Amino acid sequence: MFSITVRDHIMVAHSFRGEVFGPAQRLHGATFLVDATFRRPELDADNIVVDIGLATQELGAVMAALNYRNLDDEPAFAGINTSTEFLAKHIADRLADRVHEGALGEGARGLTQIAVTLHESHVAWATYERDL
């Protein structure tokens, strides 16, 4: 399996419901380093996994929809604990939508998987992997 990974970051505010979250139940900020990995079993006709420039651009577009936002105020996240795991899935799903729409180019049609990792600190992160 071949893969490429592109990186971005987001800064958000949010809060959680539930005692398991302790002080994070209060509104707080989070800065996530975001890695998006695109996978395919064979390289395309240009011997690449996907156009790295388009992958970077589309990850940036997905991040722009979240960056500098209070996620508690976003209608799409109403009543949802926007945990690191949840956000990794959300980002992976938006990237998958962009692949299916053709935003990453025709060569991206050969992609078989996307994995998104959100690093919430230098010692903790969460990943969501999905098939395309």
N, C-alpha and C. Protein backbone atom coordinates (compact mmCIF):
# COMPACT_ATOMS: atom_id res chain seq x y z
N MET A 1 0.85 -1.17 0.00
CA MET A 1 0.00 0.00 0.00
C MET A 1 0.90 1.23 0.00
N PHE A 2 0.59 2.17 -0.89
CA PHE A 2 1.30 3.45 -0.95
C PHE A 2 0.50 4.50 -0.19
N SER A 3 1.20 5.49 0.35
CA SER A 3 0.49 6.58 1.03
C SER A 3 1.29 7.87 0.94
N ILE A 4 0.56 8.97 1.02
CA ILE A 4 1.16 10.28 1.25
C ILE A 4 0.38 10.92 2.38
N THR A 5 1.05 11.80 3.11
CA THR A 5 0.41 12.51 4.21
C THR A 5 0.67 14.00 4.06
N VAL A 6 -0.39 14.78 4.24
CA VAL A 6 -0.27 16.23 4.26
C VAL A 6 -0.72 16.72 5.63
N ARG A 7 -0.25 17.90 6.01
CA ARG A 7 -0.44 18.38 7.38
C ARG A 7 -0.99 19.81 7.38
N ASP A 8 -1.81 20.08 8.38
CA ASP A 8 -2.33 21.43 8.62
C ASP A 8 -2.59 21.53 10.11
N HIS A 9 -3.23 22.60 10.54
CA HIS A 9 -3.61 22.72 11.95
C HIS A 9 -4.88 23.57 12.05
N ILE A 10 -5.56 23.43 13.17
CA ILE A 10 -6.74 24.25 13.44
C ILE A 10 -6.71 24.67 14.90
N MET A 11 -7.35 25.79 15.15
CA MET A 11 -7.55 26.28 16.51
C MET A 11 -9.06 26.44 16.70
N VAL A 12 -9.60 25.77 17.72
CA VAL A 12 -11.03 25.80 17.98
C VAL A 12 -11.28 26.06 19.46
N ALA A 13 -12.51 26.40 19.75
CA ALA A 13 -13.00 26.43 21.12
C ALA A 13 -14.17 25.45 21.18
N HIS A 14 -14.34 24.81 22.33
CA HIS A 14 -15.48 23.92 22.52
C HIS A 14 -15.56 23.52 23.99
N SER A 15 -16.65 22.86 24.32
CA SER A 15 -16.83 22.32 25.67
C SER A 15 -17.46 20.94 25.52
N PHE A 16 -17.42 20.18 26.61
CA PHE A 16 -17.97 18.83 26.58
C PHE A 16 -19.03 18.65 27.66
N ARG A 17 -19.92 17.71 27.41
CA ARG A 17 -20.92 17.32 28.41
C ARG A 17 -20.55 15.95 28.94
N GLY A 18 -20.60 15.79 30.24
CA GLY A 18 -20.33 14.51 30.86
C GLY A 18 -19.18 14.59 31.84
N GLU A 19 -19.37 13.95 33.00
CA GLU A 19 -18.37 14.01 34.06
C GLU A 19 -17.02 13.44 33.64
N VAL A 20 -17.01 12.51 32.67
CA VAL A 20 -15.76 11.91 32.21
C VAL A 20 -14.78 12.98 31.70
N PHE A 21 -15.30 14.14 31.30
CA PHE A 21 -14.46 15.19 30.73
C PHE A 21 -13.89 16.15 31.77
N GLY A 22 -14.29 16.01 33.02
CA GLY A 22 -13.73 16.84 34.08
C GLY A 22 -13.77 18.31 33.73
N PRO A 23 -12.63 19.04 33.91
CA PRO A 23 -12.64 20.49 33.66
C PRO A 23 -12.88 20.85 32.19
N ALA A 24 -12.74 19.91 31.27
CA ALA A 24 -12.99 20.21 29.86
C ALA A 24 -14.48 20.39 29.57
N GLN A 25 -15.32 20.22 30.60
CA GLN A 25 -16.74 20.52 30.43
C GLN A 25 -16.94 22.02 30.24
N ARG A 26 -15.99 22.80 30.75
CA ARG A 26 -16.05 24.25 30.55
C ARG A 26 -15.50 24.59 29.17
N LEU A 27 -15.90 25.73 28.66
CA LEU A 27 -15.39 26.19 27.37
C LEU A 27 -13.87 26.31 27.45
N HIS A 28 -13.18 25.77 26.45
CA HIS A 28 -11.73 25.82 26.41
C HIS A 28 -11.26 25.82 24.95
N GLY A 29 -10.03 26.20 24.76
CA GLY A 29 -9.46 26.21 23.42
C GLY A 29 -8.66 24.95 23.16
N ALA A 30 -8.52 24.62 21.90
CA ALA A 30 -7.71 23.47 21.49
C ALA A 30 -7.04 23.80 20.17
N THR A 31 -5.77 23.45 20.08
CA THR A 31 -5.04 23.56 18.82
C THR A 31 -4.65 22.15 18.41
N PHE A 32 -5.10 21.76 17.24
CA PHE A 32 -4.84 20.41 16.73
C PHE A 32 -3.90 20.48 15.54
N LEU A 33 -2.88 19.65 15.55
CA LEU A 33 -2.08 19.38 14.37
C LEU A 33 -2.82 18.26 13.63
N VAL A 34 -3.07 18.45 12.35
CA VAL A 34 -3.90 17.52 11.59
C VAL A 34 -3.09 16.88 10.46
N ASP A 35 -3.02 15.56 10.46
CA ASP A 35 -2.38 14.81 9.39
C ASP A 35 -3.46 14.05 8.62
N ALA A 36 -3.46 14.22 7.31
CA ALA A 36 -4.39 13.47 6.45
C ALA A 36 -3.55 12.57 5.54
N THR A 37 -3.80 11.27 5.65
CA THR A 37 -3.06 10.28 4.87
C THR A 37 -3.98 9.68 3.82
N PHE A 38 -3.50 9.66 2.59
CA PHE A 38 -4.24 9.11 1.46
C PHE A 38 -3.51 7.84 1.01
N ARG A 39 -4.28 6.74 0.81
CA ARG A 39 -3.67 5.44 0.50
C ARG A 39 -4.28 4.83 -0.77
N ARG A 40 -3.43 4.08 -1.45
CA ARG A 40 -3.88 3.30 -2.61
C ARG A 40 -2.91 2.15 -2.82
N PRO A 41 -3.38 1.04 -3.37
CA PRO A 41 -2.51 -0.14 -3.54
C PRO A 41 -1.49 0.02 -4.66
N GLU A 42 -1.78 0.80 -5.67
CA GLU A 42 -0.89 0.99 -6.82
C GLU A 42 -0.79 2.48 -7.12
N LEU A 43 0.36 2.92 -7.59
CA LEU A 43 0.52 4.31 -8.00
C LEU A 43 -0.27 4.57 -9.27
N ASP A 44 -0.63 5.84 -9.51
CA ASP A 44 -1.38 6.17 -10.72
C ASP A 44 -0.44 6.25 -11.92
N ALA A 45 -0.95 6.69 -13.05
CA ALA A 45 -0.18 6.74 -14.30
C ALA A 45 1.03 7.67 -14.19
N ASP A 46 0.98 8.63 -13.25
CA ASP A 46 2.10 9.56 -13.02
C ASP A 46 3.04 9.09 -11.92
N ASN A 47 2.81 7.88 -11.42
CA ASN A 47 3.60 7.30 -10.32
C ASN A 47 3.48 8.08 -9.02
N ILE A 48 2.27 8.55 -8.74
CA ILE A 48 1.99 9.23 -7.48
C ILE A 48 0.74 8.63 -6.84
N VAL A 49 0.58 8.88 -5.55
CA VAL A 49 -0.62 8.47 -4.84
C VAL A 49 -1.76 9.42 -5.18
N VAL A 50 -1.48 10.70 -5.04
CA VAL A 50 -2.44 11.76 -5.36
C VAL A 50 -1.63 13.04 -5.49
N ASP A 51 -2.16 14.01 -6.19
CA ASP A 51 -1.49 15.30 -6.33
C ASP A 51 -1.35 15.92 -4.94
N ILE A 52 -0.11 16.03 -4.46
CA ILE A 52 0.12 16.49 -3.10
C ILE A 52 -0.32 17.95 -2.91
N GLY A 53 -0.22 18.74 -3.98
CA GLY A 53 -0.69 20.12 -3.91
C GLY A 53 -2.19 20.19 -3.72
N LEU A 54 -2.93 19.38 -4.49
CA LEU A 54 -4.39 19.37 -4.34
C LEU A 54 -4.80 18.80 -2.98
N ALA A 55 -4.08 17.78 -2.51
CA ALA A 55 -4.39 17.21 -1.19
C ALA A 55 -4.20 18.26 -0.11
N THR A 56 -3.12 19.01 -0.19
CA THR A 56 -2.85 20.08 0.78
C THR A 56 -3.92 21.16 0.70
N GLN A 57 -4.27 21.55 -0.52
CA GLN A 57 -5.29 22.57 -0.72
C GLN A 57 -6.64 22.15 -0.15
N GLU A 58 -7.04 20.92 -0.42
CA GLU A 58 -8.36 20.46 0.03
C GLU A 58 -8.39 20.25 1.55
N LEU A 59 -7.29 19.76 2.12
CA LEU A 59 -7.24 19.68 3.58
C LEU A 59 -7.38 21.09 4.17
N GLY A 60 -6.70 22.06 3.59
CA GLY A 60 -6.81 23.44 4.06
C GLY A 60 -8.23 23.97 3.98
N ALA A 61 -8.94 23.63 2.92
CA ALA A 61 -10.32 24.07 2.77
C ALA A 61 -11.22 23.45 3.84
N VAL A 62 -11.01 22.17 4.13
CA VAL A 62 -11.79 21.51 5.18
C VAL A 62 -11.47 22.15 6.53
N MET A 63 -10.19 22.44 6.78
CA MET A 63 -9.79 23.05 8.05
C MET A 63 -10.36 24.46 8.20
N ALA A 64 -10.42 25.21 7.09
CA ALA A 64 -10.93 26.59 7.13
C ALA A 64 -12.36 26.65 7.66
N ALA A 65 -13.14 25.60 7.41
CA ALA A 65 -14.52 25.56 7.89
C ALA A 65 -14.61 25.39 9.41
N LEU A 66 -13.50 24.97 10.04
CA LEU A 66 -13.48 24.74 11.49
C LEU A 66 -12.62 25.75 12.24
N ASN A 67 -11.63 26.29 11.57
CA ASN A 67 -10.60 27.09 12.22
C ASN A 67 -11.16 28.37 12.86
N TYR A 68 -10.69 28.67 14.05
CA TYR A 68 -11.09 29.87 14.81
C TYR A 68 -12.59 29.91 15.05
N ARG A 69 -13.18 28.75 15.26
CA ARG A 69 -14.62 28.67 15.54
C ARG A 69 -14.85 28.11 16.93
N ASN A 70 -15.94 28.56 17.54
CA ASN A 70 -16.43 27.90 18.75
C ASN A 70 -17.37 26.81 18.25
N LEU A 71 -16.94 25.58 18.35
CA LEU A 71 -17.72 24.47 17.80
C LEU A 71 -19.06 24.31 18.49
N ASP A 72 -19.17 24.81 19.73
CA ASP A 72 -20.45 24.76 20.43
C ASP A 72 -21.51 25.60 19.72
N ASP A 73 -21.07 26.60 18.94
CA ASP A 73 -22.00 27.50 18.25
C ASP A 73 -22.32 27.04 16.82
N GLU A 74 -21.67 25.98 16.36
CA GLU A 74 -21.88 25.52 15.00
C GLU A 74 -23.10 24.59 14.93
N PRO A 75 -24.11 24.92 14.11
CA PRO A 75 -25.31 24.10 14.04
C PRO A 75 -25.03 22.62 13.72
N ALA A 76 -24.01 22.33 12.91
CA ALA A 76 -23.70 20.95 12.55
C ALA A 76 -23.27 20.12 13.76
N PHE A 77 -22.83 20.78 14.83
CA PHE A 77 -22.33 20.07 16.00
C PHE A 77 -23.23 20.24 17.23
N ALA A 78 -24.44 20.73 17.01
CA ALA A 78 -25.36 20.96 18.13
C ALA A 78 -25.59 19.68 18.91
N GLY A 79 -25.35 19.74 20.21
CA GLY A 79 -25.59 18.60 21.09
C GLY A 79 -24.56 17.49 20.98
N ILE A 80 -23.46 17.71 20.28
CA ILE A 80 -22.44 16.68 20.06
C ILE A 80 -21.17 17.04 20.83
N ASN A 81 -20.59 16.05 21.51
CA ASN A 81 -19.27 16.23 22.11
C ASN A 81 -18.26 16.15 20.97
N THR A 82 -17.63 17.26 20.65
CA THR A 82 -16.68 17.32 19.55
C THR A 82 -15.29 16.88 20.03
N SER A 83 -15.22 15.61 20.41
CA SER A 83 -13.98 15.01 20.89
C SER A 83 -12.96 14.94 19.76
N THR A 84 -11.73 14.68 20.11
CA THR A 84 -10.67 14.53 19.12
C THR A 84 -11.04 13.41 18.15
N GLU A 85 -11.55 12.30 18.66
CA GLU A 85 -11.94 11.18 17.81
C GLU A 85 -13.06 11.58 16.85
N PHE A 86 -14.06 12.28 17.37
CA PHE A 86 -15.18 12.71 16.54
C PHE A 86 -14.70 13.64 15.43
N LEU A 87 -13.84 14.59 15.78
CA LEU A 87 -13.35 15.55 14.78
C LEU A 87 -12.50 14.86 13.72
N ALA A 88 -11.72 13.85 14.10
CA ALA A 88 -10.94 13.11 13.11
C ALA A 88 -11.87 12.47 12.08
N LYS A 89 -12.97 11.89 12.53
CA LYS A 89 -13.93 11.29 11.61
C LYS A 89 -14.59 12.35 10.73
N HIS A 90 -14.97 13.45 11.35
CA HIS A 90 -15.62 14.53 10.60
C HIS A 90 -14.71 15.01 9.46
N ILE A 91 -13.45 15.24 9.75
CA ILE A 91 -12.50 15.72 8.75
C ILE A 91 -12.29 14.66 7.67
N ALA A 92 -12.12 13.40 8.06
CA ALA A 92 -11.96 12.32 7.07
C ALA A 92 -13.16 12.23 6.15
N ASP A 93 -14.36 12.36 6.70
CA ASP A 93 -15.57 12.29 5.89
C ASP A 93 -15.66 13.46 4.91
N ARG A 94 -15.27 14.67 5.35
CA ARG A 94 -15.28 15.82 4.44
C ARG A 94 -14.25 15.64 3.33
N LEU A 95 -13.08 15.09 3.67
CA LEU A 95 -12.07 14.83 2.63
C LEU A 95 -12.57 13.77 1.65
N ALA A 96 -13.24 12.75 2.15
CA ALA A 96 -13.80 11.72 1.27
C ALA A 96 -14.82 12.34 0.32
N ASP A 97 -15.64 13.25 0.83
CA ASP A 97 -16.60 13.95 -0.03
C ASP A 97 -15.87 14.66 -1.17
N ARG A 98 -14.75 15.31 -0.84
CA ARG A 98 -13.99 16.06 -1.85
C ARG A 98 -13.35 15.12 -2.88
N VAL A 99 -12.90 13.95 -2.43
CA VAL A 99 -12.37 12.97 -3.37
C VAL A 99 -13.48 12.55 -4.34
N HIS A 100 -14.66 12.22 -3.81
CA HIS A 100 -15.77 11.76 -4.64
C HIS A 100 -16.27 12.85 -5.59
N GLU A 101 -16.14 14.12 -5.18
CA GLU A 101 -16.54 15.24 -6.03
C GLU A 101 -15.52 15.54 -7.12
N GLY A 102 -14.33 14.94 -7.03
CA GLY A 102 -13.30 15.16 -8.03
C GLY A 102 -12.34 16.30 -7.71
N ALA A 103 -12.43 16.88 -6.53
CA ALA A 103 -11.61 18.03 -6.16
C ALA A 103 -10.12 17.72 -6.06
N LEU A 104 -9.77 16.44 -5.89
CA LEU A 104 -8.36 16.06 -5.82
C LEU A 104 -7.85 15.51 -7.15
N GLY A 105 -8.61 15.71 -8.21
CA GLY A 105 -8.20 15.30 -9.54
C GLY A 105 -8.65 13.89 -9.89
N GLU A 106 -8.56 13.60 -11.18
CA GLU A 106 -8.99 12.28 -11.67
C GLU A 106 -8.14 11.16 -11.09
N GLY A 107 -6.85 11.40 -10.88
CA GLY A 107 -5.98 10.38 -10.33
C GLY A 107 -6.40 9.92 -8.95
N ALA A 108 -7.10 10.78 -8.23
CA ALA A 108 -7.54 10.46 -6.87
C ALA A 108 -8.65 9.40 -6.86
N ARG A 109 -9.23 9.12 -7.99
CA ARG A 109 -10.29 8.10 -8.05
C ARG A 109 -9.74 6.72 -7.69
N GLY A 110 -8.42 6.53 -7.76
CA GLY A 110 -7.81 5.26 -7.38
C GLY A 110 -7.50 5.13 -5.90
N LEU A 111 -7.77 6.20 -5.13
CA LEU A 111 -7.55 6.12 -3.69
C LEU A 111 -8.51 5.11 -3.06
N THR A 112 -8.02 4.38 -2.08
CA THR A 112 -8.87 3.38 -1.42
C THR A 112 -9.12 3.69 0.05
N GLN A 113 -8.27 4.53 0.66
CA GLN A 113 -8.44 4.84 2.08
C GLN A 113 -7.96 6.25 2.39
N ILE A 114 -8.56 6.79 3.44
CA ILE A 114 -8.11 8.05 4.05
C ILE A 114 -7.99 7.80 5.54
N ALA A 115 -6.93 8.32 6.13
CA ALA A 115 -6.78 8.30 7.59
C ALA A 115 -6.50 9.73 8.03
N VAL A 116 -7.17 10.16 9.07
CA VAL A 116 -6.94 11.49 9.63
C VAL A 116 -6.53 11.34 11.09
N THR A 117 -5.41 11.96 11.43
CA THR A 117 -4.91 11.96 12.80
C THR A 117 -4.92 13.38 13.32
N LEU A 118 -5.54 13.58 14.48
CA LEU A 118 -5.52 14.86 15.17
C LEU A 118 -4.63 14.72 16.39
N HIS A 119 -3.57 15.50 16.43
CA HIS A 119 -2.65 15.54 17.56
C HIS A 119 -3.13 16.66 18.48
N GLU A 120 -3.60 16.29 19.67
CA GLU A 120 -4.04 17.32 20.59
C GLU A 120 -2.92 17.79 21.51
N SER A 121 -1.83 17.05 21.52
CA SER A 121 -0.62 17.47 22.23
C SER A 121 0.52 16.62 21.70
N HIS A 122 1.71 16.82 22.26
CA HIS A 122 2.85 16.02 21.83
C HIS A 122 2.81 14.60 22.39
N VAL A 123 1.86 14.32 23.27
CA VAL A 123 1.78 12.98 23.86
C VAL A 123 0.44 12.28 23.64
N ALA A 124 -0.51 12.93 22.94
CA ALA A 124 -1.83 12.32 22.76
C ALA A 124 -2.42 12.71 21.41
N TRP A 125 -3.00 11.71 20.71
CA TRP A 125 -3.64 11.95 19.44
C TRP A 125 -4.66 10.86 19.17
N ALA A 126 -5.52 11.11 18.19
CA ALA A 126 -6.54 10.14 17.79
C ALA A 126 -6.56 10.07 16.27
N THR A 127 -6.86 8.88 15.75
CA THR A 127 -6.91 8.65 14.31
C THR A 127 -8.23 8.00 13.93
N TYR A 128 -8.76 8.41 12.79
CA TYR A 128 -9.91 7.75 12.18
C TYR A 128 -9.51 7.35 10.77
N GLU A 129 -9.72 6.08 10.41
CA GLU A 129 -9.44 5.57 9.09
C GLU A 129 -10.72 5.11 8.44
N ARG A 130 -10.85 5.40 7.14
CA ARG A 130 -12.05 4.98 6.42
C ARG A 130 -11.69 4.58 5.00
N ASP A 131 -12.50 3.68 4.47
CA ASP A 131 -12.37 3.28 3.07
C ASP A 131 -13.07 4.31 2.21
N LEU A 132 -12.67 4.35 0.97
CA LEU A 132 -13.33 5.24 -0.01
C LEU A 132 -14.17 4.41 -0.97
